[in-house]
Amino acid sequence: MRAIWKGDISFGLVSIPVGIVSVEERKSLSFHLIDAKDHARIRYQRVNSNTGEVVDWNNVVKGYEYEKDHYVVVDEQAFEKAGPDVFKSIDIDEFIDAKEIDPLYFDKAYYIVPESKNKKAYVLLREALKKTKKAGVARVIIRTKEYLSLILPHDNALVLNLIHFKDEIRDESDLGFPSDSLKNYKISDREIKMAVSLIEDMSNKWEPEKYHDDYREALQKWLDSKTEELSKSPRKAAKSQQKDDVVDFISLLKKSMGKKSKEKEGSSRKKTSAK
């Protein structure tokens, strides 16, 4: 897996050569945009608004519009060449208790991969964070954006969690959430106990492997069946999606989701009878 960023983790006099790789491995299906009439691919071109001519990617740059049709060109590569120490460093400012971090702040996670053959400094930081239960608060510039981040240990790895700045978090008071006393909502102690009991009955140990993207899996099955059907009858390839196709897909999706719902109900009944 190719690192999207390479540089050093710096804290005190310690410098650790690392790269970062996304924790997330996307498994979404890939689609093309096509014309509904004849299924021809839709193509997009980069066109100069003044001349109407197609512009090559090599001549495309970012521009900040400071007034109508007037721009300041932003050259990321020039910035990086001028200040490599700024663009290639994850500087730890301080360490905080990991339990103090509000989940609302978490944005995206990356594995921090050691780039040096000597892994001692990497392992030392990882184990020290585990022992102290601390997280390193750091800043990093990826492309043209500065991110606040947390460095946390996870099993044998160090993880860089990009987090939001305080001013990027929407204030709950702006959204009108119910904040009055329970009496104002006419919620009784009995109702609270019933809700708590229901949650306890449905509680399980967290097992992420139980959960799958039902929509993607059902869509893949449907696509496989349609591909097989069309390969046998090429003439149907130019036709638009029919109502029957929609029904077939929804049936697959409901079947997949319904099966898991029954499994959960069965698990809940077993737990209830065991009490």
C-alpha atoms as a PDB file:
ATOM      1  CA  MET A   1       0.000   0.000   0.000  1.00  0.00           C
ATOM      2  CA  ARG A   2       1.459   3.345  -1.099  1.00  0.00           C
ATOM      3  CA  ALA A   3       1.763   6.046   1.565  1.00  0.00           C
ATOM      4  CA  ILE A   4      -0.131   9.265   0.799  1.00  0.00           C
ATOM      5  CA  TRP A   5       2.342  11.285   2.878  1.00  0.00           C
ATOM      6  CA  LYS A   6       5.918  10.762   4.071  1.00  0.00           C
ATOM      7  CA  GLY A   7       7.878  12.701   6.665  1.00  0.00           C
ATOM      8  CA  ASP A   8       8.840  12.580  10.330  1.00  0.00           C
ATOM      9  CA  ILE A   9       7.111  12.493  13.702  1.00  0.00           C
ATOM     10  CA  SER A  10       8.898  15.057  15.863  1.00  0.00           C
ATOM     11  CA  PHE A  11       8.699  15.533  19.623  1.00  0.00           C
ATOM     12  CA  GLY A  12      11.478  16.907  21.771  1.00  0.00           C
ATOM     13  CA  LEU A  13      14.747  15.851  20.158  1.00  0.00           C
ATOM     14  CA  VAL A  14      13.241  12.655  18.722  1.00  0.00           C
ATOM     15  CA  SER A  15      12.516  12.298  14.998  1.00  0.00           C
ATOM     16  CA  ILE A  16      10.878   9.180  13.534  1.00  0.00           C
ATOM     17  CA  PRO A  17      10.703   8.683   9.715  1.00  0.00           C
ATOM     18  CA  VAL A  18       7.171   7.546   8.835  1.00  0.00           C
ATOM     19  CA  GLY A  19       4.559   7.352   6.117  1.00  0.00           C
ATOM     20  CA  ILE A  20       0.767   7.418   6.535  1.00  0.00           C
ATOM     21  CA  VAL A  21      -1.689   4.982   4.948  1.00  0.00           C
ATOM     22  CA  SER A  22      -5.477   5.215   5.220  1.00  0.00           C
ATOM     23  CA  VAL A  23      -7.035   2.818   7.752  1.00  0.00           C
ATOM     24  CA  GLU A  24     -10.131   2.643   5.586  1.00  0.00           C
ATOM     25  CA  GLU A  25     -10.160   0.228   2.653  1.00  0.00           C
ATOM     26  CA  ARG A  26     -12.988   1.280   0.390  1.00  0.00           C
ATOM     27  CA  LYS A  27     -14.957  -1.544  -1.206  1.00  0.00           C
ATOM     28  CA  SER A  28     -17.610   0.455  -3.035  1.00  0.00           C
ATOM     29  CA  LEU A  29     -18.765  -0.621  -6.484  1.00  0.00           C
ATOM     30  CA  SER A  30     -17.460   1.341  -9.443  1.00  0.00           C
ATOM     31  CA  PHE A  31     -19.897   2.878 -11.935  1.00  0.00           C
ATOM     32  CA  HIS A  32     -19.652   4.928 -15.127  1.00  0.00           C
ATOM     33  CA  LEU A  33     -22.057   7.671 -16.193  1.00  0.00           C
ATOM     34  CA  ILE A  34     -23.767   6.696 -19.462  1.00  0.00           C
ATOM     35  CA  ASP A  35     -26.457   8.049 -21.784  1.00  0.00           C
ATOM     36  CA  ALA A  36     -29.826   6.426 -20.953  1.00  0.00           C
ATOM     37  CA  LYS A  37     -30.696   6.268 -24.665  1.00  0.00           C
ATOM     38  CA  ASP A  38     -27.811   4.215 -26.065  1.00  0.00           C
ATOM     39  CA  HIS A  39     -25.563   3.516 -23.035  1.00  0.00           C
ATOM     40  CA  ALA A  40     -22.662   5.523 -24.491  1.00  0.00           C
ATOM     41  CA  ARG A  41     -20.124   6.790 -21.935  1.00  0.00           C
ATOM     42  CA  ILE A  42     -20.447  10.394 -20.781  1.00  0.00           C
ATOM     43  CA  ARG A  43     -17.174  12.313 -21.149  1.00  0.00           C
ATOM     44  CA  TYR A  44     -16.180  15.515 -19.358  1.00  0.00           C
ATOM     45  CA  GLN A  45     -13.615  17.974 -20.625  1.00  0.00           C
ATOM     46  CA  ARG A  46     -11.703  20.847 -19.014  1.00  0.00           C
ATOM     47  CA  VAL A  47     -12.585  23.814 -21.180  1.00  0.00           C
ATOM     48  CA  ASN A  48     -11.126  27.343 -21.084  1.00  0.00           C
ATOM     49  CA  SER A  49     -14.113  29.655 -20.485  1.00  0.00           C
ATOM     50  CA  ASN A  50     -12.546  32.385 -22.661  1.00  0.00           C
ATOM     51  CA  THR A  51     -11.375  30.405 -25.700  1.00  0.00           C
ATOM     52  CA  GLY A  52     -13.594  27.308 -25.516  1.00  0.00           C
ATOM     53  CA  GLU A  53     -10.501  25.137 -26.020  1.00  0.00           C
ATOM     54  CA  VAL A  54      -9.753  21.947 -24.056  1.00  0.00           C
ATOM     55  CA  VAL A  55      -7.062  22.488 -21.375  1.00  0.00           C
ATOM     56  CA  ASP A  56      -4.455  19.795 -20.643  1.00  0.00           C
ATOM     57  CA  TRP A  57      -4.146  18.675 -17.006  1.00  0.00           C
ATOM     58  CA  ASN A  58      -0.538  19.933 -16.937  1.00  0.00           C
ATOM     59  CA  ASN A  59      -1.828  23.476 -17.403  1.00  0.00           C
ATOM     60  CA  VAL A  60      -4.509  23.316 -14.705  1.00  0.00           C
ATOM     61  CA  VAL A  61      -3.695  25.122 -11.437  1.00  0.00           C
ATOM     62  CA  LYS A  62      -5.637  26.163  -8.337  1.00  0.00           C
ATOM     63  CA  GLY A  63      -6.722  29.783  -8.070  1.00  0.00           C
ATOM     64  CA  TYR A  64      -8.216  31.832  -5.234  1.00  0.00           C
ATOM     65  CA  GLU A  65     -10.719  34.405  -6.546  1.00  0.00           C
ATOM     66  CA  TYR A  66     -10.143  37.633  -4.598  1.00  0.00           C
ATOM     67  CA  GLU A  67     -12.489  39.617  -6.855  1.00  0.00           C
ATOM     68  CA  LYS A  68     -14.590  38.844  -9.918  1.00  0.00           C
ATOM     69  CA  ASP A  69     -12.401  37.016 -12.520  1.00  0.00           C
ATOM     70  CA  HIS A  70      -9.161  37.875 -10.683  1.00  0.00           C
ATOM     71  CA  TYR A  71      -7.183  35.073  -9.048  1.00  0.00           C
ATOM     72  CA  VAL A  72      -4.171  34.321  -6.907  1.00  0.00           C
ATOM     73  CA  VAL A  73      -2.540  31.111  -8.163  1.00  0.00           C
ATOM     74  CA  VAL A  74      -1.837  28.510  -5.455  1.00  0.00           C
ATOM     75  CA  ASP A  75       1.148  26.334  -6.369  1.00  0.00           C
ATOM     76  CA  GLU A  76       1.316  23.499  -3.818  1.00  0.00           C
ATOM     77  CA  GLN A  77       4.572  22.058  -5.151  1.00  0.00           C
ATOM     78  CA  ALA A  78       6.317  25.437  -4.891  1.00  0.00           C
ATOM     79  CA  PHE A  79       5.164  25.793  -1.281  1.00  0.00           C
ATOM     80  CA  GLU A  80       6.486  22.325  -0.435  1.00  0.00           C
ATOM     81  CA  LYS A  81       9.864  23.005  -2.050  1.00  0.00           C
ATOM     82  CA  ALA A  82      10.192  26.306  -0.193  1.00  0.00           C
ATOM     83  CA  GLY A  83       9.412  24.810   3.238  1.00  0.00           C
ATOM     84  CA  PRO A  84       9.929  21.034   3.278  1.00  0.00           C
ATOM     85  CA  ASP A  85      10.353  21.059   7.066  1.00  0.00           C
ATOM     86  CA  VAL A  86       6.793  22.400   7.423  1.00  0.00           C
ATOM     87  CA  PHE A  87       5.145  20.054   4.922  1.00  0.00           C
ATOM     88  CA  LYS A  88       7.036  16.919   5.940  1.00  0.00           C
ATOM     89  CA  SER A  89       6.701  16.925   9.714  1.00  0.00           C
ATOM     90  CA  ILE A  90       4.115  15.754  12.254  1.00  0.00           C
ATOM     91  CA  ASP A  91       4.988  17.922  15.253  1.00  0.00           C
ATOM     92  CA  ILE A  92       3.662  16.717  18.611  1.00  0.00           C
ATOM     93  CA  ASP A  93       2.771  19.786  20.723  1.00  0.00           C
ATOM     94  CA  GLU A  94       1.635  17.990  23.876  1.00  0.00           C
ATOM     95  CA  PHE A  95       0.200  14.785  25.333  1.00  0.00           C
ATOM     96  CA  ILE A  96      -3.297  14.470  26.799  1.00  0.00           C
ATOM     97  CA  ASP A  97      -5.374  11.736  28.448  1.00  0.00           C
ATOM     98  CA  ALA A  98      -6.915   9.640  25.685  1.00  0.00           C
ATOM     99  CA  LYS A  99     -10.213   9.361  27.591  1.00  0.00           C
ATOM    100  CA  GLU A 100     -10.698  13.157  27.462  1.00  0.00           C
ATOM    101  CA  ILE A 101     -11.246  13.148  23.685  1.00  0.00           C
ATOM    102  CA  ASP A 102     -14.842  13.731  22.596  1.00  0.00           C
ATOM    103  CA  PRO A 103     -15.767  11.328  19.719  1.00  0.00           C
ATOM    104  CA  LEU A 104     -17.349  14.273  17.879  1.00  0.00           C
ATOM    105  CA  TYR A 105     -13.861  15.524  17.056  1.00  0.00           C
ATOM    106  CA  PHE A 106     -12.706  12.403  15.186  1.00  0.00           C
ATOM    107  CA  ASP A 107     -12.565  12.754  11.397  1.00  0.00           C
ATOM    108  CA  LYS A 108     -10.324  10.243   9.561  1.00  0.00           C
ATOM    109  CA  ALA A 109      -7.750   7.683  10.666  1.00  0.00           C
ATOM    110  CA  TYR A 110      -4.402   6.726   9.127  1.00  0.00           C
ATOM    111  CA  TYR A 111      -1.884   4.054  10.038  1.00  0.00           C
ATOM    112  CA  ILE A 112       1.521   5.551  10.793  1.00  0.00           C
ATOM    113  CA  VAL A 113       4.007   3.211   9.093  1.00  0.00           C
ATOM    114  CA  PRO A 114       7.696   3.284  10.122  1.00  0.00           C
ATOM    115  CA  GLU A 115       9.970   4.084   7.166  1.00  0.00           C
ATOM    116  CA  SER A 116      13.322   3.408   8.856  1.00  0.00           C
ATOM    117  CA  LYS A 117      14.917  -0.026   9.205  1.00  0.00           C
ATOM    118  CA  ASN A 118      15.561   0.815  12.848  1.00  0.00           C
ATOM    119  CA  LYS A 119      12.120   0.559  14.493  1.00  0.00           C
ATOM    120  CA  LYS A 120      13.300   1.301  18.045  1.00  0.00           C
ATOM    121  CA  ALA A 121      12.040   4.912  18.284  1.00  0.00           C
ATOM    122  CA  TYR A 122       8.678   3.909  16.749  1.00  0.00           C
ATOM    123  CA  VAL A 123       8.159   1.030  19.203  1.00  0.00           C
ATOM    124  CA  LEU A 124       9.338   3.172  22.118  1.00  0.00           C
ATOM    125  CA  LEU A 125       6.727   5.864  21.387  1.00  0.00           C
ATOM    126  CA  ARG A 126       3.999   3.254  20.904  1.00  0.00           C
ATOM    127  CA  GLU A 127       4.692   1.467  24.172  1.00  0.00           C
ATOM    128  CA  ALA A 128       5.072   4.717  26.148  1.00  0.00           C
ATOM    129  CA  LEU A 129       1.651   5.885  24.899  1.00  0.00           C
ATOM    130  CA  LYS A 130       0.126   2.538  25.909  1.00  0.00           C
ATOM    131  CA  LYS A 131       1.632   2.671  29.363  1.00  0.00           C
ATOM    132  CA  THR A 132       0.625   6.281  30.071  1.00  0.00           C
ATOM    133  CA  LYS A 133      -2.750   6.002  28.235  1.00  0.00           C
ATOM    134  CA  LYS A 134      -1.935   9.299  26.586  1.00  0.00           C
ATOM    135  CA  ALA A 135      -2.485  10.658  23.069  1.00  0.00           C
ATOM    136  CA  GLY A 136      -0.084  12.958  21.253  1.00  0.00           C
ATOM    137  CA  VAL A 137      -1.660  16.182  19.961  1.00  0.00           C
ATOM    138  CA  ALA A 138       0.001  17.110  16.677  1.00  0.00           C
ATOM    139  CA  ARG A 139      -0.350  19.278  13.595  1.00  0.00           C
ATOM    140  CA  VAL A 140       0.248  18.055  10.054  1.00  0.00           C
ATOM    141  CA  ILE A 141      -0.124  19.635   6.623  1.00  0.00           C
ATOM    142  CA  ILE A 142      -1.487  17.295   3.952  1.00  0.00           C
ATOM    143  CA  ARG A 143      -1.566  18.917   0.534  1.00  0.00           C
ATOM    144  CA  THR A 144      -2.783  22.489   1.193  1.00  0.00           C
ATOM    145  CA  LYS A 145      -4.677  21.942   4.450  1.00  0.00           C
ATOM    146  CA  GLU A 146      -3.435  21.913   8.007  1.00  0.00           C
ATOM    147  CA  TYR A 147      -4.986  19.278  10.259  1.00  0.00           C
ATOM    148  CA  LEU A 148      -5.116  18.888  13.996  1.00  0.00           C
ATOM    149  CA  SER A 149      -4.472  15.264  14.852  1.00  0.00           C
ATOM    150  CA  LEU A 150      -4.039  12.715  17.617  1.00  0.00           C
ATOM    151  CA  ILE A 151      -1.392  10.001  17.689  1.00  0.00           C
ATOM    152  CA  LEU A 152      -2.673   6.901  19.455  1.00  0.00           C
ATOM    153  CA  PRO A 153      -1.376   3.342  19.847  1.00  0.00           C
ATOM    154  CA  HIS A 154      -3.439   0.494  18.391  1.00  0.00           C
ATOM    155  CA  ASP A 155      -2.134  -3.041  18.898  1.00  0.00           C
ATOM    156  CA  ASN A 156       1.229  -3.047  17.057  1.00  0.00           C
ATOM    157  CA  ALA A 157       0.607   0.208  15.232  1.00  0.00           C
ATOM    158  CA  LEU A 158       0.556   3.917  15.798  1.00  0.00           C
ATOM    159  CA  VAL A 159      -2.521   5.623  14.370  1.00  0.00           C
ATOM    160  CA  LEU A 160      -2.878   9.229  13.249  1.00  0.00           C
ATOM    161  CA  ASN A 161      -6.445  10.397  13.828  1.00  0.00           C
ATOM    162  CA  LEU A 162      -7.260  13.628  12.035  1.00  0.00           C
ATOM    163  CA  ILE A 163      -9.645  15.610  14.220  1.00  0.00           C
ATOM    164  CA  HIS A 164     -11.745  18.729  13.787  1.00  0.00           C
ATOM    165  CA  PHE A 165     -10.741  22.106  15.167  1.00  0.00           C
ATOM    166  CA  LYS A 166     -13.058  23.474  17.847  1.00  0.00           C
ATOM    167  CA  ASP A 167     -14.573  26.068  15.484  1.00  0.00           C
ATOM    168  CA  GLU A 168     -15.489  23.321  12.993  1.00  0.00           C
ATOM    169  CA  ILE A 169     -17.857  21.600  15.441  1.00  0.00           C
ATOM    170  CA  ARG A 170     -21.458  22.770  15.097  1.00  0.00           C
ATOM    171  CA  ASP A 171     -22.941  23.971  18.383  1.00  0.00           C
ATOM    172  CA  GLU A 172     -25.763  21.688  19.577  1.00  0.00           C
ATOM    173  CA  SER A 173     -27.713  24.688  20.896  1.00  0.00           C
ATOM    174  CA  ASP A 174     -28.177  25.869  17.294  1.00  0.00           C
ATOM    175  CA  LEU A 175     -30.173  22.739  16.436  1.00  0.00           C
ATOM    176  CA  GLY A 176     -32.875  22.894  19.073  1.00  0.00           C
ATOM    177  CA  PHE A 177     -32.344  19.542  20.785  1.00  0.00           C
ATOM    178  CA  PRO A 178     -34.816  18.769  23.626  1.00  0.00           C
ATOM    179  CA  SER A 179     -33.164  19.991  26.826  1.00  0.00           C
ATOM    180  CA  ASP A 180     -36.004  20.409  29.324  1.00  0.00           C
ATOM    181  CA  SER A 181     -36.598  18.151  32.322  1.00  0.00           C
ATOM    182  CA  LEU A 182     -38.127  14.703  31.780  1.00  0.00           C
ATOM    183  CA  LYS A 183     -41.358  15.880  33.414  1.00  0.00           C
ATOM    184  CA  ASN A 184     -41.921  18.377  30.608  1.00  0.00           C
ATOM    185  CA  TYR A 185     -41.891  15.464  28.127  1.00  0.00           C
ATOM    186  CA  LYS A 186     -44.165  13.382  30.397  1.00  0.00           C
ATOM    187  CA  ILE A 187     -41.618  10.575  30.649  1.00  0.00           C
ATOM    188  CA  SER A 188     -42.233   8.377  33.688  1.00  0.00           C
ATOM    189  CA  ASP A 189     -39.753   6.287  35.701  1.00  0.00           C
ATOM    190  CA  ARG A 190     -41.553   3.183  34.436  1.00  0.00           C
ATOM    191  CA  GLU A 191     -40.918   4.184  30.820  1.00  0.00           C
ATOM    192  CA  ILE A 192     -37.243   4.825  31.558  1.00  0.00           C
ATOM    193  CA  LYS A 193     -36.951   1.355  33.170  1.00  0.00           C
ATOM    194  CA  MET A 194     -38.634  -0.255  30.147  1.00  0.00           C
ATOM    195  CA  ALA A 195     -36.280   1.494  27.732  1.00  0.00           C
ATOM    196  CA  VAL A 196     -33.254   0.498  29.844  1.00  0.00           C
ATOM    197  CA  SER A 197     -34.504  -3.092  29.993  1.00  0.00           C
ATOM    198  CA  LEU A 198     -34.909  -3.201  26.197  1.00  0.00           C
ATOM    199  CA  ILE A 199     -31.368  -1.899  25.695  1.00  0.00           C
ATOM    200  CA  GLU A 200     -30.000  -4.482  28.132  1.00  0.00           C
ATOM    201  CA  ASP A 201     -31.877  -7.288  26.346  1.00  0.00           C
ATOM    202  CA  MET A 202     -30.406  -6.198  23.005  1.00  0.00           C
ATOM    203  CA  SER A 203     -26.888  -5.692  24.359  1.00  0.00           C
ATOM    204  CA  ASN A 204     -24.023  -7.811  23.038  1.00  0.00           C
ATOM    205  CA  LYS A 205     -20.259  -7.820  22.900  1.00  0.00           C
ATOM    206  CA  TRP A 206     -18.996  -5.665  20.017  1.00  0.00           C
ATOM    207  CA  GLU A 207     -18.091  -7.972  17.126  1.00  0.00           C
ATOM    208  CA  PRO A 208     -17.514  -5.835  14.001  1.00  0.00           C
ATOM    209  CA  GLU A 209     -17.115  -8.901  11.777  1.00  0.00           C
ATOM    210  CA  LYS A 210     -20.872  -9.552  12.185  1.00  0.00           C
ATOM    211  CA  TYR A 211     -21.719  -6.456  10.189  1.00  0.00           C
ATOM    212  CA  HIS A 212     -21.516  -6.125   6.421  1.00  0.00           C
ATOM    213  CA  ASP A 213     -22.611  -3.632   3.801  1.00  0.00           C
ATOM    214  CA  ASP A 214     -25.908  -5.352   2.942  1.00  0.00           C
ATOM    215  CA  TYR A 215     -26.716  -2.815   0.237  1.00  0.00           C
ATOM    216  CA  ARG A 216     -23.398  -3.310  -1.601  1.00  0.00           C
ATOM    217  CA  GLU A 217     -23.564  -7.107  -1.319  1.00  0.00           C
ATOM    218  CA  ALA A 218     -27.166  -7.244  -2.571  1.00  0.00           C
ATOM    219  CA  LEU A 219     -26.340  -4.847  -5.410  1.00  0.00           C
ATOM    220  CA  GLN A 220     -23.326  -6.986  -6.397  1.00  0.00           C
ATOM    221  CA  LYS A 221     -25.520 -10.122  -6.502  1.00  0.00           C
ATOM    222  CA  TRP A 222     -28.071  -8.294  -8.624  1.00  0.00           C
ATOM    223  CA  LEU A 223     -25.381  -7.001 -10.992  1.00  0.00           C
ATOM    224  CA  ASP A 224     -23.908 -10.500 -11.330  1.00  0.00           C
ATOM    225  CA  SER A 225     -27.310 -11.937 -12.233  1.00  0.00           C
ATOM    226  CA  LYS A 226     -27.994  -9.134 -14.748  1.00  0.00           C
ATOM    227  CA  THR A 227     -24.529  -9.538 -16.284  1.00  0.00           C
ATOM    228  CA  GLU A 228     -25.125 -13.255 -16.769  1.00  0.00           C
ATOM    229  CA  GLU A 229     -28.564 -12.580 -18.251  1.00  0.00           C
ATOM    230  CA  LEU A 230     -27.272  -9.947 -20.679  1.00  0.00           C
ATOM    231  CA  SER A 231     -24.344 -12.082 -21.770  1.00  0.00           C
ATOM    232  CA  LYS A 232     -26.861 -14.700 -22.929  1.00  0.00           C
ATOM    233  CA  SER A 233     -29.122 -12.110 -24.611  1.00  0.00           C
ATOM    234  CA  PRO A 234     -26.921  -9.299 -26.025  1.00  0.00           C
ATOM    235  CA  ARG A 235     -29.914  -7.527 -27.585  1.00  0.00           C
ATOM    236  CA  LYS A 236     -31.145  -6.510 -24.136  1.00  0.00           C
ATOM    237  CA  ALA A 237     -27.955  -4.557 -23.411  1.00  0.00           C
ATOM    238  CA  ALA A 238     -29.238  -1.271 -24.860  1.00  0.00           C
ATOM    239  CA  LYS A 239     -32.490  -1.298 -22.881  1.00  0.00           C
ATOM    240  CA  SER A 240     -33.049   0.923 -19.861  1.00  0.00           C
ATOM    241  CA  GLN A 241     -33.585  -0.464 -16.387  1.00  0.00           C
ATOM    242  CA  GLN A 242     -37.028  -2.055 -16.109  1.00  0.00           C
ATOM    243  CA  LYS A 243     -39.418  -2.031 -13.123  1.00  0.00           C
ATOM    244  CA  ASP A 244     -38.817  -5.760 -12.682  1.00  0.00           C
ATOM    245  CA  ASP A 245     -35.105  -5.040 -12.217  1.00  0.00           C
ATOM    246  CA  VAL A 246     -35.883  -2.680  -9.343  1.00  0.00           C
ATOM    247  CA  VAL A 247     -38.178  -5.230  -7.712  1.00  0.00           C
ATOM    248  CA  ASP A 248     -35.511  -7.953  -8.048  1.00  0.00           C
ATOM    249  CA  PHE A 249     -32.871  -5.805  -6.378  1.00  0.00           C
ATOM    250  CA  ILE A 250     -35.141  -4.647  -3.523  1.00  0.00           C
ATOM    251  CA  SER A 251     -36.125  -8.278  -2.904  1.00  0.00           C
ATOM    252  CA  LEU A 252     -32.459  -9.262  -2.591  1.00  0.00           C
ATOM    253  CA  LEU A 253     -31.806  -6.358  -0.230  1.00  0.00           C
ATOM    254  CA  LYS A 254     -34.807  -7.131   1.988  1.00  0.00           C
ATOM    255  CA  LYS A 255     -33.856 -10.793   2.075  1.00  0.00           C
ATOM    256  CA  SER A 256     -30.323  -9.970   3.213  1.00  0.00           C
ATOM    257  CA  MET A 257     -31.414  -7.451   5.855  1.00  0.00           C
ATOM    258  CA  GLY A 258     -34.375  -9.573   7.008  1.00  0.00           C
ATOM    259  CA  LYS A 259     -32.154 -12.579   7.598  1.00  0.00           C
ATOM    260  CA  LYS A 260     -29.887 -10.585   9.909  1.00  0.00           C
ATOM    261  CA  SER A 261     -32.866  -9.108  11.775  1.00  0.00           C
ATOM    262  CA  LYS A 262     -34.133 -12.617  12.525  1.00  0.00           C
ATOM    263  CA  GLU A 263     -30.682 -13.647  13.731  1.00  0.00           C
ATOM    264  CA  LYS A 264     -30.637 -10.677  16.135  1.00  0.00           C
ATOM    265  CA  GLU A 265     -34.140 -11.501  17.391  1.00  0.00           C
ATOM    266  CA  GLY A 266     -33.093 -15.106  18.018  1.00  0.00           C
ATOM    267  CA  SER A 267     -30.021 -13.958  19.926  1.00  0.00           C
ATOM    268  CA  SER A 268     -32.142 -11.601  22.045  1.00  0.00           C
ATOM    269  CA  ARG A 269     -34.640 -14.357  22.898  1.00  0.00           C
ATOM    270  CA  LYS A 270     -31.832 -16.676  24.015  1.00  0.00           C
ATOM    271  CA  LYS A 271     -30.458 -14.012  26.339  1.00  0.00           C
ATOM    272  CA  THR A 272     -33.907 -13.286  27.790  1.00  0.00           C
ATOM    273  CA  SER A 273     -34.649 -16.959  28.495  1.00  0.00           C
ATOM    274  CA  ALA A 274     -31.239 -17.359  30.131  1.00  0.00           C
ATOM    275  CA  LYS A 275     -31.998 -14.668  32.745  1.00  0.00           C
END
